[in-house]
Amino acid sequence: MNRVTNAFRSPYVLAAVSFMGIFAAGMITGIVVSGTGAVPLGAHSDANLLGRDIAVDLEVDYGNGDVQAFPREIVLERNTVFDLLKAVEQRHGVQLDTRNFPGVGIFIEGINGVRNTNTMYWQFWVNDEYAQVGASQYILKGGDRVLWKRTGNKEGQ
């Protein structure tokens, strides 16, 4: 019995037992805190990262006389033009054909089956300004007006 008692007095065993106690206390604290909705200091909640709801207008001009309007679509502050398209896809059944180019971003190849051609392709404007970045990089602000148009001319708005 004395040997067992002496084994627990070893500095290695005491360090391991202490570590396990601290680890268990941390796990229990994490479970309790996460169950309350509290966010530990220095951490971010999803709500803080994503922001509040904003309303933006979206118009899709198919370049063939058909135009679809989606007024006052609600997205989160800090969402992108691409996030807006994905939201409209989910809410209204708009079909998107996309292609990801690593390092460049998402390229829209088609909307509702109307695809790019050699002479006409999908482009977008925000507040009547031709976008200088890709849809997955353009951050929306409340009240923005987004136009997606299939055209061969960027001034062809």
C-alpha atoms as a PDB file:
ATOM      1  CA  MET A   1       0.000   0.000   0.000  1.00  0.00           C
ATOM      2  CA  ASN A   2       2.871   2.321   0.777  1.00  0.00           C
ATOM      3  CA  ARG A   3       4.258   1.870  -2.742  1.00  0.00           C
ATOM      4  CA  VAL A   4       0.941   2.959  -4.268  1.00  0.00           C
ATOM      5  CA  THR A   5       0.810   6.059  -2.078  1.00  0.00           C
ATOM      6  CA  ASN A   6       4.402   6.941  -2.999  1.00  0.00           C
ATOM      7  CA  ALA A   7       3.616   6.518  -6.705  1.00  0.00           C
ATOM      8  CA  PHE A   8       0.937   9.202  -6.480  1.00  0.00           C
ATOM      9  CA  ARG A   9       3.468  11.560  -4.911  1.00  0.00           C
ATOM     10  CA  SER A  10       5.680  11.390  -7.989  1.00  0.00           C
ATOM     11  CA  PRO A  11       5.972  14.860  -9.613  1.00  0.00           C
ATOM     12  CA  TYR A  12       5.001  13.357 -13.005  1.00  0.00           C
ATOM     13  CA  VAL A  13       1.845  11.774 -11.671  1.00  0.00           C
ATOM     14  CA  LEU A  14       0.910  14.942  -9.766  1.00  0.00           C
ATOM     15  CA  ALA A  15       1.417  17.042 -12.915  1.00  0.00           C
ATOM     16  CA  ALA A  16      -0.743  14.659 -14.966  1.00  0.00           C
ATOM     17  CA  VAL A  17      -3.498  14.647 -12.339  1.00  0.00           C
ATOM     18  CA  SER A  18      -3.383  18.462 -12.117  1.00  0.00           C
ATOM     19  CA  PHE A  19      -3.549  18.787 -15.903  1.00  0.00           C
ATOM     20  CA  MET A  20      -6.539  16.420 -16.092  1.00  0.00           C
ATOM     21  CA  GLY A  21      -8.318  18.437 -13.394  1.00  0.00           C
ATOM     22  CA  ILE A  22      -7.711  21.716 -15.221  1.00  0.00           C
ATOM     23  CA  PHE A  23      -8.760  20.158 -18.532  1.00  0.00           C
ATOM     24  CA  ALA A  24     -11.977  18.767 -17.026  1.00  0.00           C
ATOM     25  CA  ALA A  25     -12.778  22.116 -15.376  1.00  0.00           C
ATOM     26  CA  GLY A  26     -12.226  23.889 -18.686  1.00  0.00           C
ATOM     27  CA  MET A  27     -14.462  21.444 -20.528  1.00  0.00           C
ATOM     28  CA  ILE A  28     -17.243  21.809 -17.955  1.00  0.00           C
ATOM     29  CA  THR A  29     -16.945  25.611 -18.053  1.00  0.00           C
ATOM     30  CA  GLY A  30     -17.044  25.548 -21.861  1.00  0.00           C
ATOM     31  CA  ILE A  31     -20.146  23.396 -21.874  1.00  0.00           C
ATOM     32  CA  VAL A  32     -21.889  25.605 -19.299  1.00  0.00           C
ATOM     33  CA  VAL A  33     -20.923  28.849 -21.095  1.00  0.00           C
ATOM     34  CA  SER A  34     -21.905  27.529 -24.526  1.00  0.00           C
ATOM     35  CA  GLY A  35     -25.267  26.438 -23.171  1.00  0.00           C
ATOM     36  CA  THR A  36     -26.028  29.962 -21.942  1.00  0.00           C
ATOM     37  CA  GLY A  37     -25.281  31.729 -25.199  1.00  0.00           C
ATOM     38  CA  ALA A  38     -22.472  33.654 -23.495  1.00  0.00           C
ATOM     39  CA  VAL A  39     -19.377  34.379 -25.540  1.00  0.00           C
ATOM     40  CA  PRO A  40     -16.016  34.134 -23.737  1.00  0.00           C
ATOM     41  CA  LEU A  41     -13.855  37.264 -23.747  1.00  0.00           C
ATOM     42  CA  GLY A  42     -11.856  37.600 -26.925  1.00  0.00           C
ATOM     43  CA  ALA A  43     -14.216  35.339 -28.886  1.00  0.00           C
ATOM     44  CA  HIS A  44     -16.790  36.393 -31.472  1.00  0.00           C
ATOM     45  CA  SER A  45     -20.352  35.227 -31.828  1.00  0.00           C
ATOM     46  CA  ASP A  46     -21.739  34.590 -35.311  1.00  0.00           C
ATOM     47  CA  ALA A  47     -24.102  37.536 -34.856  1.00  0.00           C
ATOM     48  CA  ASN A  48     -21.187  39.900 -34.223  1.00  0.00           C
ATOM     49  CA  LEU A  49     -19.271  38.582 -37.228  1.00  0.00           C
ATOM     50  CA  LEU A  50     -22.172  38.685 -39.649  1.00  0.00           C
ATOM     51  CA  GLY A  51     -23.949  41.836 -38.553  1.00  0.00           C
ATOM     52  CA  ARG A  52     -27.539  42.971 -38.651  1.00  0.00           C
ATOM     53  CA  ASP A  53     -30.168  42.576 -41.341  1.00  0.00           C
ATOM     54  CA  ILE A  54     -30.096  44.996 -44.266  1.00  0.00           C
ATOM     55  CA  ALA A  55     -32.422  45.368 -47.251  1.00  0.00           C
ATOM     56  CA  VAL A  56     -31.122  45.553 -50.820  1.00  0.00           C
ATOM     57  CA  ASP A  57     -32.828  45.539 -54.210  1.00  0.00           C
ATOM     58  CA  LEU A  58     -31.893  43.027 -56.887  1.00  0.00           C
ATOM     59  CA  GLU A  59     -32.820  43.104 -60.550  1.00  0.00           C
ATOM     60  CA  VAL A  60     -31.871  40.397 -63.036  1.00  0.00           C
ATOM     61  CA  ASP A  61     -31.901  41.424 -66.717  1.00  0.00           C
ATOM     62  CA  TYR A  62     -31.564  38.361 -68.947  1.00  0.00           C
ATOM     63  CA  GLY A  63     -30.573  40.447 -71.981  1.00  0.00           C
ATOM     64  CA  ASN A  64     -33.490  39.013 -73.974  1.00  0.00           C
ATOM     65  CA  GLY A  65     -36.288  41.290 -72.773  1.00  0.00           C
ATOM     66  CA  ASP A  66     -36.992  39.307 -69.573  1.00  0.00           C
ATOM     67  CA  VAL A  67     -36.329  41.077 -66.281  1.00  0.00           C
ATOM     68  CA  GLN A  68     -36.925  39.816 -62.747  1.00  0.00           C
ATOM     69  CA  ALA A  69     -37.091  42.139 -59.748  1.00  0.00           C
ATOM     70  CA  PHE A  70     -36.464  41.179 -56.120  1.00  0.00           C
ATOM     71  CA  PRO A  71     -37.127  44.342 -54.092  1.00  0.00           C
ATOM     72  CA  ARG A  72     -36.027  44.647 -50.482  1.00  0.00           C
ATOM     73  CA  GLU A  73     -34.247  41.316 -50.186  1.00  0.00           C
ATOM     74  CA  ILE A  74     -32.999  40.872 -46.637  1.00  0.00           C
ATOM     75  CA  VAL A  75     -29.379  39.810 -46.176  1.00  0.00           C
ATOM     76  CA  LEU A  76     -26.885  40.299 -43.405  1.00  0.00           C
ATOM     77  CA  GLU A  77     -24.641  43.314 -43.155  1.00  0.00           C
ATOM     78  CA  ARG A  78     -21.206  42.353 -44.554  1.00  0.00           C
ATOM     79  CA  ASN A  79     -22.765  39.876 -47.021  1.00  0.00           C
ATOM     80  CA  THR A  80     -21.533  39.979 -50.598  1.00  0.00           C
ATOM     81  CA  VAL A  81     -23.344  40.302 -53.914  1.00  0.00           C
ATOM     82  CA  PHE A  82     -22.787  36.561 -54.317  1.00  0.00           C
ATOM     83  CA  ASP A  83     -24.407  35.938 -50.895  1.00  0.00           C
ATOM     84  CA  LEU A  84     -27.406  37.927 -52.166  1.00  0.00           C
ATOM     85  CA  LEU A  85     -27.661  35.692 -55.234  1.00  0.00           C
ATOM     86  CA  LYS A  86     -27.456  32.578 -53.036  1.00  0.00           C
ATOM     87  CA  ALA A  87     -30.227  33.952 -50.799  1.00  0.00           C
ATOM     88  CA  VAL A  88     -32.463  34.593 -53.840  1.00  0.00           C
ATOM     89  CA  GLU A  89     -31.638  31.090 -55.072  1.00  0.00           C
ATOM     90  CA  GLN A  90     -32.852  29.610 -51.779  1.00  0.00           C
ATOM     91  CA  ARG A  91     -35.887  31.846 -51.268  1.00  0.00           C
ATOM     92  CA  HIS A  92     -37.204  32.116 -54.817  1.00  0.00           C
ATOM     93  CA  GLY A  93     -35.822  29.069 -56.623  1.00  0.00           C
ATOM     94  CA  VAL A  94     -33.567  31.050 -58.943  1.00  0.00           C
ATOM     95  CA  GLN A  95     -31.082  28.598 -60.462  1.00  0.00           C
ATOM     96  CA  LEU A  96     -27.441  29.625 -60.461  1.00  0.00           C
ATOM     97  CA  ASP A  97     -24.643  28.104 -62.509  1.00  0.00           C
ATOM     98  CA  THR A  98     -21.333  29.113 -60.968  1.00  0.00           C
ATOM     99  CA  ARG A  99     -17.677  28.326 -61.278  1.00  0.00           C
ATOM    100  CA  ASN A 100     -15.008  28.972 -58.658  1.00  0.00           C
ATOM    101  CA  PHE A 101     -11.659  30.311 -59.802  1.00  0.00           C
ATOM    102  CA  PRO A 102      -9.240  30.000 -56.846  1.00  0.00           C
ATOM    103  CA  GLY A 103      -7.624  33.319 -56.070  1.00  0.00           C
ATOM    104  CA  VAL A 104     -10.126  35.194 -58.244  1.00  0.00           C
ATOM    105  CA  GLY A 105     -13.529  34.211 -56.876  1.00  0.00           C
ATOM    106  CA  ILE A 106     -16.894  32.949 -58.047  1.00  0.00           C
ATOM    107  CA  PHE A 107     -17.883  33.443 -61.694  1.00  0.00           C
ATOM    108  CA  ILE A 108     -21.582  33.437 -62.641  1.00  0.00           C
ATOM    109  CA  GLU A 109     -22.008  31.279 -65.739  1.00  0.00           C
ATOM    110  CA  GLY A 110     -25.795  31.239 -65.844  1.00  0.00           C
ATOM    111  CA  ILE A 111     -28.963  32.378 -64.121  1.00  0.00           C
ATOM    112  CA  ASN A 112     -32.176  30.362 -64.560  1.00  0.00           C
ATOM    113  CA  GLY A 113     -30.668  28.490 -67.496  1.00  0.00           C
ATOM    114  CA  VAL A 114     -29.602  31.653 -69.360  1.00  0.00           C
ATOM    115  CA  ARG A 115     -25.885  31.074 -69.774  1.00  0.00           C
ATOM    116  CA  ASN A 116     -22.895  33.078 -70.915  1.00  0.00           C
ATOM    117  CA  THR A 117     -21.980  32.932 -74.591  1.00  0.00           C
ATOM    118  CA  ASN A 118     -18.895  34.012 -76.537  1.00  0.00           C
ATOM    119  CA  THR A 119     -20.364  37.521 -76.883  1.00  0.00           C
ATOM    120  CA  MET A 120     -22.697  37.946 -73.869  1.00  0.00           C
ATOM    121  CA  TYR A 121     -21.948  37.249 -70.253  1.00  0.00           C
ATOM    122  CA  TRP A 122     -23.277  38.021 -66.773  1.00  0.00           C
ATOM    123  CA  GLN A 123     -22.034  41.258 -65.220  1.00  0.00           C
ATOM    124  CA  PHE A 124     -23.240  43.329 -62.292  1.00  0.00           C
ATOM    125  CA  TRP A 125     -23.621  46.918 -61.191  1.00  0.00           C
ATOM    126  CA  VAL A 126     -24.274  48.308 -57.713  1.00  0.00           C
ATOM    127  CA  ASN A 127     -26.033  51.662 -57.449  1.00  0.00           C
ATOM    128  CA  ASP A 128     -25.535  52.200 -61.204  1.00  0.00           C
ATOM    129  CA  GLU A 129     -21.746  51.719 -60.902  1.00  0.00           C
ATOM    130  CA  TYR A 130     -20.068  48.889 -62.811  1.00  0.00           C
ATOM    131  CA  ALA A 131     -18.439  46.528 -60.304  1.00  0.00           C
ATOM    132  CA  GLN A 132     -14.656  46.570 -60.235  1.00  0.00           C
ATOM    133  CA  VAL A 133     -14.421  43.371 -58.130  1.00  0.00           C
ATOM    134  CA  GLY A 134     -16.054  39.957 -58.252  1.00  0.00           C
ATOM    135  CA  ALA A 135     -19.448  39.220 -56.735  1.00  0.00           C
ATOM    136  CA  SER A 136     -17.862  37.220 -53.916  1.00  0.00           C
ATOM    137  CA  GLN A 137     -15.735  40.245 -52.930  1.00  0.00           C
ATOM    138  CA  TYR A 138     -18.270  43.081 -53.202  1.00  0.00           C
ATOM    139  CA  ILE A 139     -19.643  43.849 -49.702  1.00  0.00           C
ATOM    140  CA  LEU A 140     -23.241  45.094 -49.660  1.00  0.00           C
ATOM    141  CA  LYS A 141     -24.616  48.033 -47.672  1.00  0.00           C
ATOM    142  CA  GLY A 142     -28.222  48.686 -46.722  1.00  0.00           C
ATOM    143  CA  GLY A 143     -30.202  50.269 -49.570  1.00  0.00           C
ATOM    144  CA  ASP A 144     -27.859  49.056 -52.335  1.00  0.00           C
ATOM    145  CA  ARG A 145     -29.417  48.420 -55.746  1.00  0.00           C
ATOM    146  CA  VAL A 146     -27.829  45.470 -57.531  1.00  0.00           C
ATOM    147  CA  LEU A 147     -28.342  44.820 -61.232  1.00  0.00           C
ATOM    148  CA  TRP A 148     -27.203  41.569 -62.844  1.00  0.00           C
ATOM    149  CA  LYS A 149     -27.316  41.810 -66.604  1.00  0.00           C
ATOM    150  CA  ARG A 150     -26.325  39.437 -69.370  1.00  0.00           C
ATOM    151  CA  THR A 151     -24.654  41.693 -71.898  1.00  0.00           C
ATOM    152  CA  GLY A 152     -21.567  42.037 -74.063  1.00  0.00           C
ATOM    153  CA  ASN A 153     -20.896  45.619 -73.047  1.00  0.00           C
ATOM    154  CA  LYS A 154     -20.136  46.857 -69.543  1.00  0.00           C
ATOM    155  CA  GLU A 155     -21.532  50.254 -70.403  1.00  0.00           C
ATOM    156  CA  GLY A 156     -24.602  48.471 -71.779  1.00  0.00           C
ATOM    157  CA  GLN A 157     -26.472  48.969 -68.560  1.00  0.00           C
END
